[in-house]
Amino acid sequence: MTRTKSSVITAPGMAHLLVLVLFCFSGFALLLPVSPQWAVHGGADEFGAGLVTAVLMATTVKSTHMGRNESCGIQAYWARQVLR
């Protein structure tokens, strides 16, 4: 039996997924330099601007680690709810 290998890129929905990932990364890239400016405009000092950046980076790191642990459990929960 001969199987033809098809590319993952040609799978249905992959073009939309790639566009979504592109927009997510570009949105984060725009948010990172603007957040401290927003804090200073709101009345924060230099420490407050740095704190905003630190919190943004910490949540980014936490969400990256959450991808393997907690989010898998959340995804499994919602998959069970949908499949009922």
C-alpha atoms as a PDB file:
ATOM      1  CA  MET A   1       0.000   0.000   0.000  1.00  0.00           C
ATOM      2  CA  THR A   2       1.357   3.381  -0.956  1.00  0.00           C
ATOM      3  CA  ARG A   3       0.412   6.409   1.116  1.00  0.00           C
ATOM      4  CA  THR A   4       0.855   9.882  -0.185  1.00  0.00           C
ATOM      5  CA  LYS A   5       2.171  12.362   2.298  1.00  0.00           C
ATOM      6  CA  SER A   6       0.228  15.579   2.494  1.00  0.00           C
ATOM      7  CA  SER A   7       1.590  18.743   4.018  1.00  0.00           C
ATOM      8  CA  VAL A   8       0.183  20.114   7.248  1.00  0.00           C
ATOM      9  CA  ILE A   9       0.014  23.551   5.623  1.00  0.00           C
ATOM     10  CA  THR A  10      -2.631  22.294   3.203  1.00  0.00           C
ATOM     11  CA  ALA A  11      -4.899  21.058   6.002  1.00  0.00           C
ATOM     12  CA  PRO A  12      -8.222  22.886   6.314  1.00  0.00           C
ATOM     13  CA  GLY A  13      -8.014  25.933   8.563  1.00  0.00           C
ATOM     14  CA  MET A  14      -4.227  26.184   8.657  1.00  0.00           C
ATOM     15  CA  ALA A  15      -4.123  29.463   6.717  1.00  0.00           C
ATOM     16  CA  HIS A  16      -6.523  31.012   9.216  1.00  0.00           C
ATOM     17  CA  LEU A  17      -4.484  29.675  12.120  1.00  0.00           C
ATOM     18  CA  LEU A  18      -1.267  31.156  10.736  1.00  0.00           C
ATOM     19  CA  VAL A  19      -2.927  34.562  10.255  1.00  0.00           C
ATOM     20  CA  LEU A  20      -4.265  34.411  13.823  1.00  0.00           C
ATOM     21  CA  VAL A  21      -0.820  33.617  15.244  1.00  0.00           C
ATOM     22  CA  LEU A  22       0.694  36.454  13.225  1.00  0.00           C
ATOM     23  CA  PHE A  23      -1.851  38.926  14.613  1.00  0.00           C
ATOM     24  CA  CYS A  24      -1.362  37.676  18.183  1.00  0.00           C
ATOM     25  CA  PHE A  25       2.404  38.126  18.029  1.00  0.00           C
ATOM     26  CA  SER A  26       2.160  41.525  16.384  1.00  0.00           C
ATOM     27  CA  GLY A  27      -0.429  42.646  18.941  1.00  0.00           C
ATOM     28  CA  PHE A  28       1.882  41.637  21.785  1.00  0.00           C
ATOM     29  CA  ALA A  29       4.793  43.408  20.098  1.00  0.00           C
ATOM     30  CA  LEU A  30       2.721  46.593  19.951  1.00  0.00           C
ATOM     31  CA  LEU A  31       1.493  46.260  23.542  1.00  0.00           C
ATOM     32  CA  LEU A  32       4.927  45.876  25.132  1.00  0.00           C
ATOM     33  CA  PRO A  33       6.331  49.382  24.415  1.00  0.00           C
ATOM     34  CA  VAL A  34       2.980  51.166  24.832  1.00  0.00           C
ATOM     35  CA  SER A  35       2.084  49.815  28.284  1.00  0.00           C
ATOM     36  CA  PRO A  36       4.673  51.852  30.248  1.00  0.00           C
ATOM     37  CA  GLN A  37       3.691  54.975  28.321  1.00  0.00           C
ATOM     38  CA  TRP A  38       0.065  54.339  29.256  1.00  0.00           C
ATOM     39  CA  ALA A  39       1.028  54.030  32.934  1.00  0.00           C
ATOM     40  CA  VAL A  40       3.029  57.280  32.883  1.00  0.00           C
ATOM     41  CA  HIS A  41       0.185  59.052  31.083  1.00  0.00           C
ATOM     42  CA  GLY A  42      -2.121  57.845  33.853  1.00  0.00           C
ATOM     43  CA  GLY A  43       0.084  59.407  36.541  1.00  0.00           C
ATOM     44  CA  ALA A  44       2.553  56.673  37.429  1.00  0.00           C
ATOM     45  CA  ASP A  45       6.228  57.409  38.006  1.00  0.00           C
ATOM     46  CA  GLU A  46       9.187  55.503  36.536  1.00  0.00           C
ATOM     47  CA  PHE A  47       8.769  52.710  39.082  1.00  0.00           C
ATOM     48  CA  GLY A  48       5.120  52.302  38.097  1.00  0.00           C
ATOM     49  CA  ALA A  49       6.043  52.132  34.422  1.00  0.00           C
ATOM     50  CA  GLY A  50       8.632  49.467  35.185  1.00  0.00           C
ATOM     51  CA  LEU A  51       6.118  47.590  37.312  1.00  0.00           C
ATOM     52  CA  VAL A  52       3.641  47.522  34.417  1.00  0.00           C
ATOM     53  CA  THR A  53       6.329  46.057  32.175  1.00  0.00           C
ATOM     54  CA  ALA A  54       7.329  43.502  34.819  1.00  0.00           C
ATOM     55  CA  VAL A  55       3.741  42.367  35.325  1.00  0.00           C
ATOM     56  CA  LEU A  56       3.211  42.069  31.572  1.00  0.00           C
ATOM     57  CA  MET A  57       6.348  39.975  31.200  1.00  0.00           C
ATOM     58  CA  ALA A  58       5.505  37.822  34.250  1.00  0.00           C
ATOM     59  CA  THR A  59       2.042  37.026  32.908  1.00  0.00           C
ATOM     60  CA  THR A  60       3.616  36.138  29.569  1.00  0.00           C
ATOM     61  CA  VAL A  61       5.984  33.685  31.244  1.00  0.00           C
ATOM     62  CA  LYS A  62       3.195  32.256  33.421  1.00  0.00           C
ATOM     63  CA  SER A  63       0.907  31.740  30.447  1.00  0.00           C
ATOM     64  CA  THR A  64       3.732  29.974  28.626  1.00  0.00           C
ATOM     65  CA  HIS A  65       4.154  27.536  31.507  1.00  0.00           C
ATOM     66  CA  MET A  66       0.390  27.245  31.880  1.00  0.00           C
ATOM     67  CA  GLY A  67       0.229  25.949  28.328  1.00  0.00           C
ATOM     68  CA  ARG A  68       1.534  22.563  29.356  1.00  0.00           C
ATOM     69  CA  ASN A  69      -0.093  22.098  32.751  1.00  0.00           C
ATOM     70  CA  GLU A  70      -3.297  23.914  33.583  1.00  0.00           C
ATOM     71  CA  SER A  71      -4.517  24.688  30.092  1.00  0.00           C
ATOM     72  CA  CYS A  72      -4.414  21.016  29.112  1.00  0.00           C
ATOM     73  CA  GLY A  73      -6.786  20.279  31.967  1.00  0.00           C
ATOM     74  CA  ILE A  74      -9.029  23.167  30.947  1.00  0.00           C
ATOM     75  CA  GLN A  75      -9.037  21.978  27.344  1.00  0.00           C
ATOM     76  CA  ALA A  76      -9.886  18.449  28.422  1.00  0.00           C
ATOM     77  CA  TYR A  77     -12.745  19.747  30.585  1.00  0.00           C
ATOM     78  CA  TRP A  78     -14.273  21.739  27.726  1.00  0.00           C
ATOM     79  CA  ALA A  79     -13.793  18.854  25.306  1.00  0.00           C
ATOM     80  CA  ARG A  80     -15.764  16.607  27.662  1.00  0.00           C
ATOM     81  CA  GLN A  81     -18.496  19.262  27.934  1.00  0.00           C
ATOM     82  CA  VAL A  82     -18.768  19.627  24.168  1.00  0.00           C
ATOM     83  CA  LEU A  83     -18.764  15.874  23.513  1.00  0.00           C
ATOM     84  CA  ARG A  84     -21.625  15.170  25.928  1.00  0.00           C
END
